[in-house]
Amino acid sequence: MRRALPTGRAGRAVQKKIVEFTNLLRKSGIRVSVAEAIDSFTALDELSVEDREIFQDVLRTTMVKRSEDIPTFDELFHLFWSGFHDQLRDTLQNALSGMGGGAIDLDQLIERLRELLGQMEGSDLDLSELAAALLTADLTQLENLIRQAAEQAGTARIENMLQVGFFSRRTLEQMDAEGAGAQLEELMRRLVGQGLSEEEAAALQELIRALQEALRQAVRQFTERELQKQNHDYIEKFRRETLLEKSFYNLTEEDIRRMRDVVARLAQKIKNILTIRRKREKRGKFDLHQTLRRNMGRGGVPFELIFKQRRKDRPKLVILCDVSSSVANVSRFMLQFVYSLQEAFTKIRSFVFVAELGEVTDVFSEYDIHEAVDRALDGGDAINVYTRSNFGFAFHHFWQNYLSAIDNRTTVLVLGDARNNYNDPRAWCLRDMQSKAKNVVWLNPESPGAWGFGDSVMDRYVPYCDVAEECRNLRQLSKFVDRLVL
């Protein structure tokens, strides 16, 4: 049976909310046309708005055109259409559960309050909507009151975290939270006069304090959600900037997941620059001197334009990645960067090592980029990753078996901390690589001040590197990739 979008005032309210949501998507960088918003109205003629999952699928299908916009859409949908009611319920439950340990049963106390309130009907104490909603833990009414007060307080204009406290206070003032608290205190005094025991009175006092604190927390949570909703694009940019500066050593699993998206964005940015550059190279660079020389017979009027035709050769790349746990994140994001920009190189060959060395180039041709990186960091079934680092052993293996992969167009990129566990560094292997290569570049996640101390043999390798740099966060890594491919 066909389930239509509500008609009349309810239907118009839903359509108004969809228009507001559409404007929020546009503000956050998702392009939604008027026609697509109208399509969502048409699609909802066949569906129930109450089925939240289907409702979300319908809006996503009609409004989102790019796969990279789906996470942003889903987060904004959750912030705009749902989520706060559940958060409010959890806040109240946490506040009430914190009252455990007393001799009074909370459920019995609330039942006793209902009886006494019934006896007080018609008295001169008239509880406000907020006081009544707090005392009865009416989540729906509390949510409506918070939303109405936030709208009157102008919370939709919030722009940054420094304003959260200000708009939270204004919302509580609009709700008259202090007045509601005073009413509840007066109610407690009257109930004591009507036979409430001292133990019940003490428990009621604690309940009132817990409810008031829960209200303050709920209002602040709503304000923070409004900030995230209204300034989603700004907050996402701030998070990305924070990730760019965060040390690879301190990344959590959530950071790694988010950083994959950041790396993909940076790689796409570099791809766009490369595309523009290739178009210019195809045409050539304007040659002013040759143009003037060629047009001297025409009085210097540039009827014929001359362009320099210079093709920049794409380099070959050989990557040697230390995949021990201490530097795995540097290798992870470098491999993702490089393999997202394969068209910038004539050929890429990748090797991973801890002590043994193995080639994982084929892994990237067989699997999705993220799965390929994960497999490479696990050794690609080519090496044992659960052993102690030995750079000298790995370099010697490369020198014996793969030195022919290097020529004068090859950049050798080494990623590792050069912590060699006091083994022979065999620096002469790197020397021979440098003698054949265009250049040798070493990225080390440790500070240069630590190179050569303890079991670090970085000082033994530096003389045979054309570039040796610290690389401990994504900003440093992206700057290096810029120089490598541009």
Protein backbone atom coordinates (compact mmCIF):
# COMPACT_ATOMS: atom_id res chain seq x y z
CA MET A 1 0.00 0.00 0.00
CA ARG A 2 1.30 3.45 -0.90
CA ARG A 3 2.46 5.46 2.12
CA ALA A 4 2.42 9.16 1.29
CA LEU A 5 4.25 12.11 2.73
CA PRO A 6 2.05 13.78 5.37
CA THR A 7 -0.27 16.41 3.92
CA GLY A 8 -1.37 19.71 5.36
CA ARG A 9 0.62 21.38 8.13
CA ALA A 10 2.64 18.22 8.95
CA GLY A 11 3.62 17.74 5.30
CA ARG A 12 4.68 21.37 4.95
CA ALA A 13 6.72 21.10 8.13
CA VAL A 14 8.63 18.11 6.74
CA GLN A 15 9.23 19.89 3.44
CA LYS A 16 10.45 22.97 5.31
CA LYS A 17 12.88 20.79 7.29
CA ILE A 18 14.14 19.20 4.05
CA VAL A 19 14.77 22.67 2.58
CA GLU A 20 16.68 23.65 5.75
CA PHE A 21 18.68 20.42 5.52
CA THR A 22 19.42 21.12 1.85
CA ASN A 23 20.78 24.56 2.75
CA LEU A 24 22.92 22.97 5.47
CA LEU A 25 24.39 20.51 2.92
CA ARG A 26 25.24 23.35 0.56
CA LYS A 27 26.87 25.29 3.39
CA SER A 28 29.04 22.25 4.12
CA GLY A 29 30.22 21.94 0.51
CA ILE A 30 27.77 19.34 -0.89
CA ARG A 31 26.25 20.61 -4.13
CA VAL A 32 22.45 20.08 -4.09
CA SER A 33 20.35 21.65 -6.82
CA VAL A 34 16.74 22.83 -6.51
CA ALA A 35 15.68 19.99 -8.83
CA GLU A 36 17.30 17.43 -6.54
CA ALA A 37 15.50 18.86 -3.51
CA ILE A 38 12.22 18.57 -5.43
CA ASP A 39 13.15 14.98 -6.34
CA SER A 40 13.38 14.20 -2.62
CA PHE A 41 9.81 15.50 -2.13
CA THR A 42 8.61 13.25 -4.98
CA ALA A 43 10.45 10.20 -3.64
CA LEU A 44 8.96 10.71 -0.19
CA ASP A 45 5.47 10.51 -1.69
CA GLU A 46 6.06 6.75 -1.79
CA LEU A 47 7.71 6.33 1.62
CA SER A 48 7.15 6.78 5.32
CA VAL A 49 9.11 9.56 6.99
CA GLU A 50 8.95 7.60 10.23
CA ASP A 51 11.25 4.90 8.85
CA ARG A 52 14.48 6.77 9.54
CA GLU A 53 16.86 4.44 7.66
CA ILE A 54 14.77 4.51 4.47
CA PHE A 55 14.29 8.25 4.86
CA GLN A 56 18.08 8.71 5.07
CA ASP A 57 18.62 6.45 2.03
CA VAL A 58 16.10 8.45 -0.01
CA LEU A 59 17.70 11.80 0.78
CA ARG A 60 21.19 10.43 0.17
CA THR A 61 20.15 8.95 -3.20
CA THR A 62 18.50 12.14 -4.44
CA MET A 63 20.96 14.69 -3.04
CA VAL A 64 24.47 13.16 -3.10
CA LYS A 65 26.30 12.83 -6.42
CA ARG A 66 29.90 12.13 -5.30
CA SER A 67 30.92 9.16 -3.19
CA GLU A 68 33.37 11.29 -1.21
CA ASP A 69 30.41 13.38 0.06
CA ILE A 70 28.62 10.40 1.62
CA PRO A 71 30.40 10.51 5.03
CA THR A 72 29.65 14.24 5.34
CA PHE A 73 26.02 13.68 4.38
CA ASP A 74 25.57 10.85 6.91
CA GLU A 75 27.10 12.89 9.73
CA LEU A 76 24.97 15.94 8.95
CA PHE A 77 21.85 13.78 8.64
CA HIS A 78 22.50 12.36 12.11
CA LEU A 79 23.08 15.84 13.55
CA PHE A 80 20.05 17.40 11.86
CA TRP A 81 17.39 14.68 11.97
CA SER A 82 18.22 12.47 14.92
CA GLY A 83 20.59 11.69 17.72
CA PHE A 84 19.86 14.40 20.30
CA HIS A 85 16.88 12.57 21.82
CA ASP A 86 19.05 9.53 22.50
CA GLN A 87 21.83 11.73 23.85
CA LEU A 88 19.34 13.48 26.17
CA ARG A 89 18.06 10.14 27.43
CA ASP A 90 21.60 8.93 28.16
CA THR A 91 22.40 12.18 29.99
CA LEU A 92 19.36 11.82 32.26
CA GLN A 93 20.01 8.15 32.87
CA ASN A 94 23.62 8.86 33.82
CA ALA A 95 22.50 11.60 36.20
CA LEU A 96 19.95 9.34 37.90
CA SER A 97 22.27 6.34 38.02
CA GLY A 98 24.78 8.49 39.90
CA MET A 99 22.29 8.68 42.76
CA GLY A 100 22.81 5.02 43.64
CA GLY A 101 24.19 4.14 47.04
CA GLY A 102 21.45 5.79 49.08
CA ALA A 103 18.93 3.90 51.19
CA ILE A 104 15.98 5.21 49.14
CA ASP A 105 14.73 3.36 46.05
CA LEU A 106 14.50 5.95 43.25
CA ASP A 107 11.50 4.32 41.56
CA GLN A 108 9.61 4.24 44.85
CA LEU A 109 10.49 7.89 45.48
CA ILE A 110 9.15 8.94 42.06
CA GLU A 111 5.95 6.95 42.67
CA ARG A 112 5.59 8.65 46.08
CA LEU A 113 6.07 12.04 44.41
CA ARG A 114 3.26 11.33 41.97
CA GLU A 115 0.91 10.53 44.83
CA LEU A 116 1.80 13.71 46.71
CA LEU A 117 1.57 15.83 43.56
CA GLY A 118 -1.90 14.43 42.96
CA GLN A 119 -2.89 15.51 46.46
CA MET A 120 -1.57 19.01 45.77
CA GLU A 121 -3.67 19.60 42.62
CA GLY A 122 -5.41 22.94 42.81
CA SER A 123 -2.78 24.46 45.14
CA ASP A 124 -1.20 27.85 44.44
CA LEU A 125 2.09 26.22 43.37
CA ASP A 126 1.92 26.06 39.58
CA LEU A 127 4.93 24.20 38.13
CA SER A 128 6.34 25.48 34.84
CA GLU A 129 6.56 23.22 31.81
CA LEU A 130 10.29 22.80 32.40
CA ALA A 131 9.95 21.93 36.09
CA ALA A 132 7.21 19.40 35.35
CA ALA A 133 9.20 17.86 32.49
CA LEU A 134 12.30 17.55 34.67
CA LEU A 135 10.43 16.00 37.60
CA THR A 136 8.72 13.44 35.38
CA ALA A 137 11.78 12.95 33.10
CA ASP A 138 9.61 13.66 30.04
CA LEU A 139 12.27 13.41 27.31
CA THR A 140 10.05 14.56 24.44
CA GLN A 141 8.93 17.68 26.29
CA LEU A 142 12.47 18.45 27.46
CA GLU A 143 13.81 18.15 23.91
CA ASN A 144 11.11 20.47 22.57
CA LEU A 145 11.78 23.02 25.31
CA ILE A 146 15.55 22.97 24.65
CA ARG A 147 15.05 23.35 20.89
CA GLN A 148 12.61 26.24 21.32
CA ALA A 149 14.84 28.05 23.82
CA ALA A 150 17.93 27.53 21.62
CA GLU A 151 16.10 29.03 18.65
CA GLN A 152 15.08 32.06 20.73
CA ALA A 153 18.67 32.38 21.99
CA GLY A 154 19.96 32.52 18.41
CA THR A 155 22.11 29.40 18.76
CA ALA A 156 21.92 28.85 15.00
CA ARG A 157 24.36 31.78 14.65
CA ILE A 158 27.13 30.01 16.59
CA GLU A 159 30.49 30.09 14.77
CA ASN A 160 33.21 28.69 17.04
CA MET A 161 33.92 26.76 20.25
CA LEU A 162 34.45 29.95 22.26
CA GLN A 163 30.73 30.71 21.89
CA VAL A 164 29.46 27.39 23.25
CA GLY A 165 29.34 28.64 26.86
CA PHE A 166 27.67 31.91 25.86
CA PHE A 167 24.86 30.32 23.85
CA SER A 168 24.39 27.57 26.46
CA ARG A 169 23.80 30.23 29.14
CA ARG A 170 21.41 32.16 26.90
CA THR A 171 19.44 28.98 26.19
CA LEU A 172 19.15 28.19 29.92
CA GLU A 173 18.01 31.78 30.53
CA GLN A 174 15.34 31.46 27.83
CA MET A 175 14.12 28.27 29.53
CA ASP A 176 14.17 30.01 32.94
CA ALA A 177 16.15 27.11 34.38
CA GLU A 178 16.78 28.99 37.63
CA GLY A 179 13.06 29.63 38.06
CA ALA A 180 12.29 25.97 37.47
CA GLY A 181 14.91 25.02 40.07
CA ALA A 182 13.36 27.41 42.60
CA GLN A 183 9.93 25.87 41.94
CA LEU A 184 11.28 22.39 42.55
CA GLU A 185 12.89 23.55 45.83
CA GLU A 186 9.58 25.04 46.95
CA LEU A 187 7.80 21.83 45.95
CA MET A 188 10.21 19.83 48.11
CA ARG A 189 9.51 22.03 51.13
CA ARG A 190 5.77 21.62 50.69
CA LEU A 191 6.06 17.88 50.27
CA VAL A 192 8.05 17.66 53.49
CA GLY A 193 5.17 19.44 55.19
CA GLN A 194 2.79 16.83 53.79
CA GLY A 195 4.57 13.87 55.26
CA LEU A 196 7.70 13.28 53.20
CA SER A 197 10.28 11.61 55.46
CA GLU A 198 13.75 13.08 56.07
CA GLU A 199 15.34 10.27 54.02
CA GLU A 200 12.93 10.89 51.15
CA ALA A 201 13.51 14.65 51.39
CA ALA A 202 17.30 14.17 51.22
CA ALA A 203 16.88 11.87 48.20
CA LEU A 204 14.54 14.38 46.56
CA GLN A 205 17.10 17.15 47.12
CA GLU A 206 19.74 15.00 45.45
CA LEU A 207 17.33 14.19 42.59
CA ILE A 208 16.64 17.88 41.96
CA ARG A 209 20.36 18.68 41.86
CA ALA A 210 20.99 15.75 39.50
CA LEU A 211 18.18 16.86 37.17
CA GLN A 212 19.43 20.46 37.08
CA GLU A 213 22.97 19.30 36.27
CA ALA A 214 21.61 16.96 33.58
CA LEU A 215 19.71 19.89 32.07
CA ARG A 216 22.87 22.02 31.93
CA GLN A 217 24.80 19.17 30.30
CA ALA A 218 22.01 18.53 27.78
CA VAL A 219 21.84 22.21 26.78
CA ARG A 220 25.62 22.33 26.30
CA GLN A 221 25.51 19.12 24.23
CA PHE A 222 22.76 20.60 22.06
CA THR A 223 24.83 23.77 21.56
CA GLU A 224 27.89 21.74 20.59
CA ARG A 225 25.79 19.73 18.12
CA GLU A 226 24.50 22.99 16.65
CA LEU A 227 28.08 24.25 16.27
CA GLN A 228 29.07 21.04 14.51
CA LYS A 229 26.00 21.20 12.29
CA GLN A 230 26.27 24.86 11.31
CA ASN A 231 30.06 24.86 10.88
CA HIS A 232 30.70 21.31 9.72
CA ASP A 233 32.99 22.32 6.88
CA TYR A 234 35.08 24.60 9.13
CA ILE A 235 35.34 21.93 11.86
CA GLU A 236 36.37 19.29 9.32
CA LYS A 237 39.08 21.60 8.00
CA PHE A 238 40.27 22.22 11.57
CA ARG A 239 40.37 18.46 12.22
CA ARG A 240 42.33 17.87 9.04
CA GLU A 241 44.79 20.62 9.97
CA THR A 242 45.21 19.03 13.40
CA LEU A 243 45.87 15.64 11.81
CA LEU A 244 48.46 17.18 9.50
CA GLU A 245 50.50 18.25 12.54
CA LYS A 246 49.99 15.11 14.67
CA SER A 247 53.01 12.86 15.05
CA PHE A 248 52.79 9.47 13.35
CA TYR A 249 53.90 7.95 16.66
CA ASN A 250 50.73 9.15 18.42
CA LEU A 251 48.05 8.13 15.93
CA THR A 252 45.03 6.18 17.18
CA GLU A 253 43.04 3.75 15.06
CA GLU A 254 40.45 6.48 14.49
CA ASP A 255 43.20 8.93 13.46
CA ILE A 256 44.55 6.41 10.93
CA ARG A 257 41.08 5.93 9.45
CA ARG A 258 40.51 9.69 9.16
CA MET A 259 44.02 10.30 7.86
CA ARG A 260 43.41 7.95 4.94
CA ASP A 261 40.78 10.41 3.75
CA VAL A 262 43.12 13.37 4.31
CA VAL A 263 45.87 11.68 2.27
CA ALA A 264 43.38 10.94 -0.50
CA ARG A 265 42.38 14.62 -0.59
CA LEU A 266 46.00 15.78 -0.71
CA ALA A 267 46.81 13.26 -3.44
CA GLN A 268 43.84 14.47 -5.48
CA LYS A 269 45.03 18.06 -5.07
CA ILE A 270 48.48 17.10 -6.39
CA LYS A 271 46.83 15.19 -9.28
CA ASN A 272 44.91 18.31 -10.26
CA ILE A 273 48.11 20.37 -10.28
CA LEU A 274 49.84 17.70 -12.38
CA THR A 275 46.98 17.72 -14.89
CA ILE A 276 47.21 21.50 -15.32
CA ARG A 277 50.99 21.30 -15.64
CA ARG A 278 50.80 18.61 -18.34
CA LYS A 279 48.39 20.72 -20.37
CA ARG A 280 50.82 23.61 -20.21
CA GLU A 281 53.77 21.39 -21.11
CA LYS A 282 51.86 20.00 -24.07
CA ARG A 283 51.43 23.49 -25.41
CA GLY A 284 54.89 24.67 -24.34
CA LYS A 285 56.08 27.75 -22.49
CA PHE A 286 55.84 31.11 -24.23
CA ASP A 287 59.27 32.17 -25.57
CA LEU A 288 59.41 35.97 -25.65
CA HIS A 289 62.88 36.29 -27.22
CA GLN A 290 62.20 33.89 -30.09
CA THR A 291 58.79 35.47 -30.70
CA LEU A 292 60.33 38.94 -31.03
CA ARG A 293 63.14 37.61 -33.24
CA ARG A 294 60.72 35.72 -35.52
CA ASN A 295 58.47 38.79 -35.95
CA MET A 296 61.13 41.45 -36.60
CA GLY A 297 60.18 41.45 -40.27
CA ARG A 298 56.67 42.50 -39.25
CA GLY A 299 57.84 45.51 -37.29
CA GLY A 300 57.90 43.60 -34.00
CA VAL A 301 54.14 42.92 -34.05
CA PRO A 302 53.77 39.35 -32.64
CA PHE A 303 51.72 37.75 -35.41
CA GLU A 304 53.51 34.43 -34.80
CA LEU A 305 53.90 33.13 -31.25
CA ILE A 306 56.77 30.80 -30.39
CA PHE A 307 56.60 28.30 -27.50
CA LYS A 308 59.40 26.32 -25.91
CA GLN A 309 58.80 22.60 -26.13
CA ARG A 310 60.37 21.00 -23.09
CA ARG A 311 59.13 17.68 -21.83
CA LYS A 312 59.92 16.83 -18.26
CA ASP A 313 60.86 13.18 -17.99
CA ARG A 314 58.91 11.27 -15.38
CA PRO A 315 61.27 9.62 -12.90
CA LYS A 316 61.45 6.00 -11.91
CA LEU A 317 60.94 5.31 -8.24
CA VAL A 318 62.28 2.54 -6.00
CA ILE A 319 60.85 2.55 -2.47
CA LEU A 320 62.49 0.75 0.45
CA CYS A 321 60.07 0.77 3.39
CA ASP A 322 60.92 -0.18 6.93
CA VAL A 323 57.66 -1.80 8.14
CA SER A 324 58.66 -2.35 11.77
CA SER A 325 56.01 -1.12 14.20
CA SER A 326 57.90 2.06 15.11
CA VAL A 327 57.67 3.53 11.59
CA ALA A 328 54.76 1.65 10.04
CA ASN A 329 52.53 4.74 9.84
CA VAL A 330 55.12 6.71 7.86
CA SER A 331 55.36 3.84 5.38
CA ARG A 332 51.57 3.48 5.31
CA PHE A 333 50.86 7.01 4.20
CA MET A 334 53.87 7.32 1.90
CA LEU A 335 52.78 4.20 0.03
CA GLN A 336 49.23 5.53 -0.21
CA PHE A 337 50.53 8.86 -1.50
CA VAL A 338 52.84 7.34 -4.09
CA TYR A 339 50.40 4.79 -5.43
CA SER A 340 47.69 7.44 -5.69
CA LEU A 341 50.07 9.35 -7.99
CA GLN A 342 51.38 6.50 -10.15
CA GLU A 343 50.95 8.53 -13.34
CA ALA A 344 53.66 10.89 -12.05
CA PHE A 345 56.27 8.12 -12.40
CA THR A 346 57.44 5.96 -15.28
CA LYS A 347 57.70 2.95 -13.00
CA ILE A 348 57.42 2.25 -9.29
CA ARG A 349 58.94 -0.72 -7.50
CA SER A 350 58.25 -1.19 -3.79
CA PHE A 351 60.20 -3.24 -1.25
CA VAL A 352 59.47 -3.77 2.43
CA PHE A 353 61.84 -4.94 5.12
CA VAL A 354 62.48 -5.37 8.81
CA ALA A 355 65.53 -7.58 8.46
CA GLU A 356 64.56 -9.64 5.41
CA LEU A 357 63.63 -7.69 2.29
CA GLY A 358 60.82 -8.55 -0.12
CA GLU A 359 59.19 -6.93 -3.14
CA VAL A 360 55.49 -5.98 -2.87
CA THR A 361 55.04 -4.19 -6.21
CA ASP A 362 52.55 -6.82 -7.44
CA VAL A 363 50.40 -6.37 -4.32
CA PHE A 364 49.46 -2.88 -5.51
CA SER A 365 48.42 -4.12 -8.94
CA GLU A 366 46.15 -6.81 -7.49
CA TYR A 367 44.35 -5.09 -4.62
CA ASP A 368 42.57 -1.89 -3.68
CA ILE A 369 44.98 0.79 -2.47
CA HIS A 370 44.04 0.50 1.22
CA GLU A 371 44.08 -3.29 1.26
CA ALA A 372 47.34 -3.26 -0.68
CA VAL A 373 48.95 -0.94 1.87
CA ASP A 374 47.75 -3.16 4.73
CA ARG A 375 49.14 -6.24 3.00
CA ALA A 376 52.44 -4.49 2.30
CA LEU A 377 52.79 -3.50 5.96
CA ASP A 378 52.21 -7.15 6.87
CA GLY A 379 55.16 -8.05 4.67
CA GLY A 380 53.11 -9.02 1.63
CA ASP A 381 53.72 -12.71 2.48
CA ALA A 382 57.32 -12.01 1.43
CA ILE A 383 59.06 -11.38 4.75
CA ASN A 384 58.80 -12.02 8.46
CA VAL A 385 57.75 -8.74 10.11
CA TYR A 386 58.03 -10.15 13.64
CA THR A 387 61.78 -9.81 13.98
CA ARG A 388 64.39 -7.23 14.98
CA SER A 389 65.33 -4.45 12.57
CA ASN A 390 68.52 -4.94 10.54
CA PHE A 391 69.00 -2.29 7.86
CA GLY A 392 72.41 -3.61 6.82
CA PHE A 393 71.00 -7.07 6.11
CA ALA A 394 68.11 -5.63 4.07
CA PHE A 395 70.34 -3.29 2.04
CA HIS A 396 72.80 -6.08 1.31
CA HIS A 397 69.95 -8.28 0.06
CA PHE A 398 68.83 -5.47 -2.26
CA TRP A 399 72.41 -4.92 -3.44
CA GLN A 400 72.77 -8.60 -4.28
CA ASN A 401 69.43 -9.12 -6.04
CA TYR A 402 67.91 -5.82 -7.22
CA LEU A 403 70.71 -3.33 -7.87
CA SER A 404 70.00 -3.58 -11.61
CA ALA A 405 66.60 -1.95 -10.96
CA ILE A 406 68.41 1.38 -10.46
CA ASP A 407 69.61 3.65 -13.26
CA ASN A 408 70.30 7.34 -13.71
CA ARG A 409 66.56 8.16 -13.91
CA THR A 410 65.73 6.38 -10.65
CA THR A 411 64.97 8.03 -7.33
CA VAL A 412 65.61 5.68 -4.41
CA LEU A 413 63.33 6.52 -1.49
CA VAL A 414 64.13 5.00 1.91
CA LEU A 415 61.65 5.19 4.79
CA GLY A 416 62.96 4.16 8.19
CA ASP A 417 64.38 5.23 11.54
CA ALA A 418 67.81 3.56 10.97
CA ARG A 419 67.59 1.84 14.36
CA ASN A 420 69.82 -1.12 13.54
CA ASN A 421 70.03 -3.00 16.86
CA TYR A 422 73.85 -2.64 16.80
CA ASN A 423 74.19 -4.74 13.63
CA ASP A 424 76.62 -3.96 10.80
CA PRO A 425 74.98 -1.07 8.82
CA ARG A 426 76.75 -2.03 5.56
CA ALA A 427 76.59 1.61 4.45
CA TRP A 428 78.61 0.74 1.35
CA CYS A 429 75.46 -0.89 -0.10
CA LEU A 430 73.68 2.47 0.03
CA ARG A 431 76.81 4.10 -1.44
CA ASP A 432 76.61 1.80 -4.47
CA MET A 433 72.89 2.55 -4.87
CA GLN A 434 73.63 6.28 -4.84
CA SER A 435 76.37 5.89 -7.45
CA LYS A 436 73.84 4.41 -9.91
CA ALA A 437 70.72 6.41 -8.99
CA LYS A 438 69.56 9.87 -9.95
CA ASN A 439 69.30 10.58 -6.22
CA VAL A 440 68.77 8.85 -2.88
CA VAL A 441 66.23 10.29 -0.46
CA TRP A 442 65.80 9.17 3.16
CA LEU A 443 62.77 10.09 5.29
CA ASN A 444 63.25 9.46 8.99
CA PRO A 445 60.45 9.92 11.57
CA GLU A 446 63.01 10.71 14.28
CA SER A 447 64.39 14.17 14.95
CA PRO A 448 67.89 14.80 13.48
CA GLY A 449 69.08 15.34 17.04
CA ALA A 450 68.60 11.59 17.66
CA TRP A 451 70.45 10.43 14.55
CA GLY A 452 73.60 8.51 15.44
CA PHE A 453 72.73 8.01 19.11
CA GLY A 454 72.09 4.63 20.71
CA ASP A 455 71.51 1.99 18.05
CA SER A 456 70.78 4.62 15.37
CA VAL A 457 73.19 4.39 12.41
CA MET A 458 71.62 7.25 10.49
CA ASP A 459 74.90 9.18 10.67
CA ARG A 460 76.53 6.34 8.71
CA TYR A 461 73.93 6.56 5.94
CA VAL A 462 73.57 10.34 5.61
CA PRO A 463 76.80 10.78 3.52
CA TYR A 464 75.25 8.58 0.81
CA CYS A 465 71.88 10.42 0.73
CA ASP A 466 71.19 13.37 -1.54
CA VAL A 467 68.32 14.32 0.79
CA ALA A 468 67.85 13.19 4.40
CA GLU A 469 64.92 14.74 6.25
CA GLU A 470 62.80 14.33 9.32
CA CYS A 471 59.27 13.14 8.50
CA ARG A 472 57.16 12.71 11.62
CA ASN A 473 53.75 14.06 10.50
CA LEU A 474 51.57 14.32 7.44
CA ARG A 475 52.41 17.95 6.71
CA GLN A 476 56.11 17.12 6.36
CA LEU A 477 55.26 14.06 4.28
CA SER A 478 52.98 15.97 1.90
CA LYS A 479 55.61 18.71 1.41
CA PHE A 480 58.13 16.08 0.41
CA VAL A 481 55.69 14.44 -2.04
CA ASP A 482 55.07 17.88 -3.55
CA ARG A 483 58.79 18.24 -4.27
CA LEU A 484 59.06 14.70 -5.53
CA VAL A 485 56.38 14.86 -8.21
CA LEU A 486 55.96 18.53 -9.06
